[in-house]
């Protein structure tokens, strides 16, 4: 049940950021597409992102981790290519989308945390 709630929170975050950046080059078709984007981003982050991090480890170390922003943007661009109804126009918009999505997801997921006593 927690997985479904987290995916729905991620979908809300994707929808909100896409709505915020709709004039800057992010296109999102509907709420259902936002759920698909959240699922695909989760799968890509689980499978593709670790492989990209390993292959780009030297440049990530040289840039003190800032290259991870580019990797996140590439994941978002790949999701845009895989899903009809979701598109990001450029790498810069994808980086901005990635940063805003991370911030919003952190805020939304902090509301879901349970107090452990």
N, C-alpha and C. Protein backbone atom coordinates (compact mmCIF):
# COMPACT_ATOMS: atom_id res chain seq x y z
N UNK A 1 0.81 -1.19 0.00
CA UNK A 1 0.00 0.00 0.00
C UNK A 1 0.87 1.26 0.00
N UNK A 2 2.01 1.20 0.73
CA UNK A 2 2.91 2.35 0.75
C UNK A 2 3.45 2.67 -0.63
N UNK A 3 3.72 1.63 -1.42
CA UNK A 3 4.24 1.84 -2.77
C UNK A 3 3.24 2.60 -3.64
N UNK A 4 1.99 2.23 -3.54
CA UNK A 4 0.95 2.91 -4.33
C UNK A 4 0.81 4.36 -3.89
N UNK A 5 0.87 4.60 -2.59
CA UNK A 5 0.77 5.98 -2.09
C UNK A 5 1.96 6.80 -2.56
N UNK A 6 3.16 6.22 -2.51
CA UNK A 6 4.35 6.94 -2.97
C UNK A 6 4.27 7.23 -4.46
N UNK A 7 3.78 6.28 -5.24
CA UNK A 7 3.63 6.52 -6.68
C UNK A 7 2.61 7.62 -6.96
N UNK A 8 1.53 7.63 -6.21
CA UNK A 8 0.53 8.69 -6.39
C UNK A 8 1.08 10.05 -5.98
N UNK A 9 1.86 10.09 -4.92
CA UNK A 9 2.50 11.35 -4.51
C UNK A 9 3.48 11.81 -5.58
N UNK A 10 4.25 10.87 -6.14
CA UNK A 10 5.17 11.23 -7.23
C UNK A 10 4.40 11.72 -8.45
N UNK A 11 3.26 11.10 -8.73
CA UNK A 11 2.44 11.53 -9.86
C UNK A 11 1.91 12.94 -9.64
N UNK A 12 1.52 13.25 -8.42
CA UNK A 12 1.06 14.60 -8.10
C UNK A 12 2.19 15.59 -8.29
N UNK A 13 3.39 15.21 -7.86
CA UNK A 13 4.55 16.09 -8.02
C UNK A 13 4.88 16.29 -9.50
N UNK A 14 4.83 15.23 -10.29
CA UNK A 14 5.08 15.34 -11.73
C UNK A 14 4.05 16.25 -12.38
N UNK A 15 2.79 16.08 -12.01
CA UNK A 15 1.74 16.90 -12.59
C UNK A 15 1.91 18.37 -12.22
N UNK A 16 2.26 18.63 -10.97
CA UNK A 16 2.43 20.02 -10.51
C UNK A 16 3.62 20.69 -11.21
N UNK A 17 4.73 19.99 -11.31
CA UNK A 17 5.91 20.57 -11.97
C UNK A 17 5.66 20.75 -13.46
N UNK A 18 4.99 19.80 -14.08
CA UNK A 18 4.67 19.93 -15.51
C UNK A 18 3.74 21.11 -15.74
N UNK A 19 2.78 21.32 -14.84
CA UNK A 19 1.89 22.47 -14.97
C UNK A 19 2.67 23.77 -14.77
N UNK A 20 3.60 23.77 -13.84
CA UNK A 20 4.41 24.95 -13.58
C UNK A 20 5.30 25.30 -14.77
N UNK A 21 5.81 24.29 -15.45
CA UNK A 21 6.75 24.51 -16.55
C UNK A 21 6.11 24.33 -17.93
N UNK A 22 4.78 24.38 -18.02
CA UNK A 22 4.12 24.11 -19.29
C UNK A 22 4.46 25.15 -20.35
N UNK A 23 4.73 26.38 -19.95
CA UNK A 23 5.10 27.41 -20.93
C UNK A 23 6.57 27.35 -21.32
N UNK A 24 7.36 26.59 -20.57
CA UNK A 24 8.80 26.51 -20.82
C UNK A 24 9.22 25.25 -21.57
N UNK A 25 8.29 24.40 -21.95
CA UNK A 25 8.67 23.26 -22.77
C UNK A 25 8.37 21.90 -22.19
N UNK A 26 7.54 21.83 -21.16
CA UNK A 26 7.14 20.53 -20.62
C UNK A 26 5.68 20.33 -20.99
N UNK A 27 5.40 19.18 -21.61
CA UNK A 27 4.03 18.86 -22.03
C UNK A 27 3.60 17.60 -21.31
N UNK A 28 2.45 17.69 -20.64
CA UNK A 28 1.85 16.53 -19.97
C UNK A 28 0.40 16.49 -20.35
N UNK A 29 -0.03 15.33 -20.84
CA UNK A 29 -1.36 15.16 -21.40
C UNK A 29 -2.47 15.18 -20.35
N UNK A 30 -2.36 14.33 -19.32
CA UNK A 30 -3.45 14.17 -18.36
C UNK A 30 -2.92 13.66 -17.03
N UNK A 31 -3.85 13.47 -16.10
CA UNK A 31 -3.50 12.91 -14.80
C UNK A 31 -3.00 11.47 -14.94
N UNK A 32 -3.63 10.74 -15.82
CA UNK A 32 -3.23 9.34 -16.02
C UNK A 32 -1.81 9.27 -16.58
N UNK A 33 -1.48 10.18 -17.46
CA UNK A 33 -0.12 10.24 -18.00
C UNK A 33 0.87 10.56 -16.89
N UNK A 34 0.48 11.39 -15.93
CA UNK A 34 1.36 11.71 -14.79
C UNK A 34 1.65 10.46 -13.97
N UNK A 35 0.64 9.59 -13.83
CA UNK A 35 0.86 8.33 -13.11
C UNK A 35 1.83 7.44 -13.89
N UNK A 36 1.65 7.37 -15.22
CA UNK A 36 2.58 6.60 -16.06
C UNK A 36 4.00 7.15 -15.94
N UNK A 37 4.13 8.47 -15.95
CA UNK A 37 5.46 9.08 -15.84
C UNK A 37 6.08 8.74 -14.49
N UNK A 38 5.30 8.79 -13.42
CA UNK A 38 5.83 8.44 -12.10
C UNK A 38 6.30 6.99 -12.05
N UNK A 39 5.53 6.10 -12.65
CA UNK A 39 5.93 4.68 -12.66
C UNK A 39 7.18 4.47 -13.51
N UNK A 40 7.21 5.07 -14.69
CA UNK A 40 8.37 4.90 -15.58
C UNK A 40 9.62 5.53 -14.97
N UNK A 41 9.48 6.70 -14.35
CA UNK A 41 10.63 7.32 -13.69
C UNK A 41 11.15 6.45 -12.55
N UNK A 42 10.25 5.83 -11.82
CA UNK A 42 10.67 4.93 -10.74
C UNK A 42 11.43 3.74 -11.28
N UNK A 43 10.93 3.16 -12.35
CA UNK A 43 11.59 2.00 -12.95
C UNK A 43 12.95 2.39 -13.53
N UNK A 44 13.00 3.52 -14.24
CA UNK A 44 14.26 3.98 -14.81
C UNK A 44 15.28 4.32 -13.72
N UNK A 45 14.81 4.93 -12.64
CA UNK A 45 15.71 5.23 -11.52
C UNK A 45 16.22 3.96 -10.84
N UNK A 46 15.44 2.93 -10.89
CA UNK A 46 15.83 1.66 -10.27
C UNK A 46 16.80 0.88 -11.15
N UNK A 47 16.60 0.91 -12.47
CA UNK A 47 17.38 0.06 -13.36
C UNK A 47 18.48 0.83 -14.09
N UNK A 48 18.14 1.92 -14.75
CA UNK A 48 19.07 2.60 -15.65
C UNK A 48 20.02 3.54 -14.90
N UNK A 49 19.51 4.23 -13.90
CA UNK A 49 20.32 5.23 -13.22
C UNK A 49 21.59 4.66 -12.58
N UNK A 50 21.54 3.52 -11.88
CA UNK A 50 22.79 2.98 -11.31
C UNK A 50 23.83 2.63 -12.38
N UNK A 51 23.36 2.16 -13.52
CA UNK A 51 24.29 1.84 -14.61
C UNK A 51 24.95 3.11 -15.13
N UNK A 52 24.16 4.16 -15.33
CA UNK A 52 24.71 5.43 -15.78
C UNK A 52 25.68 6.03 -14.77
N UNK A 53 25.38 5.89 -13.50
CA UNK A 53 26.27 6.42 -12.47
C UNK A 53 27.61 5.70 -12.48
N UNK A 54 27.58 4.39 -12.66
CA UNK A 54 28.83 3.63 -12.71
C UNK A 54 29.66 4.02 -13.93
N UNK A 55 29.02 4.15 -15.09
CA UNK A 55 29.75 4.51 -16.31
C UNK A 55 30.31 5.93 -16.26
N UNK A 56 29.64 6.81 -15.55
CA UNK A 56 30.07 8.21 -15.52
C UNK A 56 30.74 8.59 -14.19
N UNK A 57 31.20 7.60 -13.46
CA UNK A 57 31.80 7.87 -12.15
C UNK A 57 32.99 8.83 -12.20
N UNK A 58 33.91 8.70 -13.16
CA UNK A 58 35.03 9.66 -13.18
C UNK A 58 34.59 11.12 -13.35
N UNK A 59 33.67 11.37 -14.28
CA UNK A 59 33.22 12.75 -14.48
C UNK A 59 32.37 13.23 -13.30
N UNK A 60 31.67 12.32 -12.67
CA UNK A 60 30.90 12.69 -11.48
C UNK A 60 31.83 13.09 -10.34
N UNK A 61 32.92 12.39 -10.18
CA UNK A 61 33.89 12.74 -9.15
C UNK A 61 34.56 14.08 -9.47
N UNK A 62 34.93 14.28 -10.72
CA UNK A 62 35.59 15.54 -11.13
C UNK A 62 34.67 16.73 -10.90
N UNK A 63 33.39 16.56 -11.19
CA UNK A 63 32.43 17.68 -11.02
C UNK A 63 31.83 17.72 -9.63
N UNK A 64 32.38 16.94 -8.71
CA UNK A 64 31.92 16.89 -7.32
C UNK A 64 30.44 16.55 -7.20
N UNK A 65 29.97 15.69 -8.07
CA UNK A 65 28.60 15.20 -8.01
C UNK A 65 27.59 15.98 -8.82
N UNK A 66 27.99 17.10 -9.41
CA UNK A 66 27.05 17.90 -10.18
C UNK A 66 26.60 17.22 -11.47
N UNK A 67 27.38 16.28 -11.95
CA UNK A 67 26.99 15.56 -13.16
C UNK A 67 25.77 14.68 -12.91
N UNK A 68 25.45 14.41 -11.66
CA UNK A 68 24.24 13.65 -11.35
C UNK A 68 22.99 14.40 -11.78
N UNK A 69 23.05 15.74 -11.83
CA UNK A 69 21.93 16.51 -12.37
C UNK A 69 21.71 16.19 -13.83
N UNK A 70 22.79 16.02 -14.56
CA UNK A 70 22.69 15.67 -15.99
C UNK A 70 22.12 14.26 -16.14
N UNK A 71 22.54 13.35 -15.28
CA UNK A 71 22.01 11.98 -15.33
C UNK A 71 20.51 11.99 -15.05
N UNK A 72 20.08 12.75 -14.05
CA UNK A 72 18.65 12.85 -13.77
C UNK A 72 17.89 13.44 -14.95
N UNK A 73 18.48 14.45 -15.59
CA UNK A 73 17.84 15.05 -16.76
C UNK A 73 17.74 14.04 -17.90
N UNK A 74 18.77 13.23 -18.09
CA UNK A 74 18.73 12.21 -19.14
C UNK A 74 17.65 11.17 -18.86
N UNK A 75 17.46 10.83 -17.60
CA UNK A 75 16.40 9.89 -17.22
C UNK A 75 15.03 10.49 -17.56
N UNK A 76 14.86 11.79 -17.28
CA UNK A 76 13.59 12.45 -17.58
C UNK A 76 13.37 12.54 -19.09
N UNK A 77 14.43 12.84 -19.85
CA UNK A 77 14.30 12.88 -21.31
C UNK A 77 13.97 11.50 -21.87
N UNK A 78 14.56 10.46 -21.29
CA UNK A 78 14.26 9.09 -21.72
C UNK A 78 12.81 8.74 -21.42
N UNK A 79 12.31 9.16 -20.27
CA UNK A 79 10.90 8.94 -19.95
C UNK A 79 10.01 9.67 -20.93
N UNK A 80 10.43 10.86 -21.34
CA UNK A 80 9.68 11.61 -22.34
C UNK A 80 9.62 10.91 -23.69
N UNK A 81 10.69 10.21 -24.04
CA UNK A 81 10.71 9.45 -25.29
C UNK A 81 9.86 8.18 -25.19
N UNK A 82 9.77 7.60 -24.01
CA UNK A 82 9.05 6.34 -23.85
C UNK A 82 7.54 6.52 -23.70
N UNK A 83 7.10 7.67 -23.22
CA UNK A 83 5.69 7.88 -22.91
C UNK A 83 5.07 8.88 -23.86
N UNK A 84 4.01 8.47 -24.54
CA UNK A 84 3.24 9.41 -25.35
C UNK A 84 2.43 10.28 -24.40
N UNK A 85 2.42 11.57 -24.67
CA UNK A 85 1.68 12.48 -23.81
C UNK A 85 2.55 13.18 -22.79
N UNK A 86 3.85 12.89 -22.79
CA UNK A 86 4.79 13.57 -21.91
C UNK A 86 6.01 13.91 -22.74
N UNK A 87 6.40 15.18 -22.71
CA UNK A 87 7.56 15.61 -23.49
C UNK A 87 8.27 16.74 -22.76
N UNK A 88 9.58 16.73 -22.86
CA UNK A 88 10.42 17.79 -22.31
C UNK A 88 11.27 18.29 -23.48
N UNK A 89 11.29 19.62 -23.67
CA UNK A 89 11.87 20.18 -24.89
C UNK A 89 13.38 20.17 -24.94
N UNK A 90 14.07 20.35 -23.82
CA UNK A 90 15.54 20.44 -23.88
C UNK A 90 16.15 19.88 -22.60
N UNK A 91 17.47 19.73 -22.65
CA UNK A 91 18.19 19.22 -21.49
C UNK A 91 18.14 20.19 -20.33
N UNK A 92 18.13 21.49 -20.62
CA UNK A 92 18.09 22.50 -19.55
C UNK A 92 16.74 22.49 -18.83
N UNK A 93 15.69 22.34 -19.59
CA UNK A 93 14.37 22.23 -18.98
C UNK A 93 14.27 20.93 -18.18
N UNK A 94 14.90 19.87 -18.68
CA UNK A 94 14.89 18.59 -17.96
C UNK A 94 15.67 18.71 -16.65
N UNK A 95 16.77 19.46 -16.64
CA UNK A 95 17.52 19.68 -15.39
C UNK A 95 16.67 20.47 -14.41
N UNK A 96 16.01 21.52 -14.89
CA UNK A 96 15.13 22.31 -14.03
C UNK A 96 13.98 21.44 -13.51
N UNK A 97 13.38 20.64 -14.38
CA UNK A 97 12.31 19.73 -13.99
C UNK A 97 12.81 18.77 -12.92
N UNK A 98 14.01 18.25 -13.09
CA UNK A 98 14.58 17.30 -12.14
C UNK A 98 14.80 17.93 -10.77
N UNK A 99 15.35 19.14 -10.74
CA UNK A 99 15.61 19.81 -9.47
C UNK A 99 14.30 20.13 -8.75
N UNK A 100 13.34 20.69 -9.49
CA UNK A 100 12.05 21.02 -8.88
C UNK A 100 11.30 19.77 -8.42
N UNK A 101 11.40 18.71 -9.21
CA UNK A 101 10.74 17.46 -8.84
C UNK A 101 11.35 16.88 -7.56
N UNK A 102 12.66 16.93 -7.44
CA UNK A 102 13.31 16.42 -6.24
C UNK A 102 12.89 17.21 -5.00
N UNK A 103 12.83 18.53 -5.13
CA UNK A 103 12.44 19.37 -4.00
C UNK A 103 10.99 19.07 -3.60
N UNK A 104 10.10 19.03 -4.59
CA UNK A 104 8.69 18.80 -4.29
C UNK A 104 8.45 17.41 -3.74
N UNK A 105 9.15 16.41 -4.27
CA UNK A 105 9.01 15.06 -3.75
C UNK A 105 9.49 14.99 -2.30
N UNK A 106 10.57 15.68 -1.99
CA UNK A 106 11.06 15.68 -0.60
C UNK A 106 10.04 16.29 0.34
N UNK A 107 9.43 17.38 -0.09
CA UNK A 107 8.41 18.03 0.74
C UNK A 107 7.20 17.13 0.93
N UNK A 108 6.71 16.57 -0.18
CA UNK A 108 5.51 15.73 -0.10
C UNK A 108 5.76 14.44 0.68
N UNK A 109 6.93 13.83 0.50
CA UNK A 109 7.22 12.58 1.21
C UNK A 109 7.47 12.83 2.70
N UNK A 110 7.87 14.04 3.06
CA UNK A 110 8.06 14.34 4.48
C UNK A 110 6.72 14.33 5.22
N UNK A 111 5.63 14.64 4.51
CA UNK A 111 4.31 14.58 5.12
C UNK A 111 3.85 13.14 5.34
N UNK A 112 4.41 12.20 4.58
CA UNK A 112 3.99 10.80 4.68
C UNK A 112 4.74 10.02 5.75
N UNK A 113 5.83 10.56 6.24
CA UNK A 113 6.64 9.82 7.22
C UNK A 113 5.86 9.64 8.51
N UNK A 114 5.99 8.44 9.02
CA UNK A 114 5.33 8.13 10.29
C UNK A 114 6.32 8.35 11.42
N UNK A 115 5.79 8.75 12.56
CA UNK A 115 6.63 8.88 13.74
C UNK A 115 6.92 7.50 14.30
N UNK A 116 8.19 7.19 14.48
CA UNK A 116 8.58 5.89 15.01
C UNK A 116 8.85 6.06 16.50
N UNK A 117 8.02 5.42 17.30
CA UNK A 117 8.18 5.52 18.76
C UNK A 117 8.35 4.15 19.37
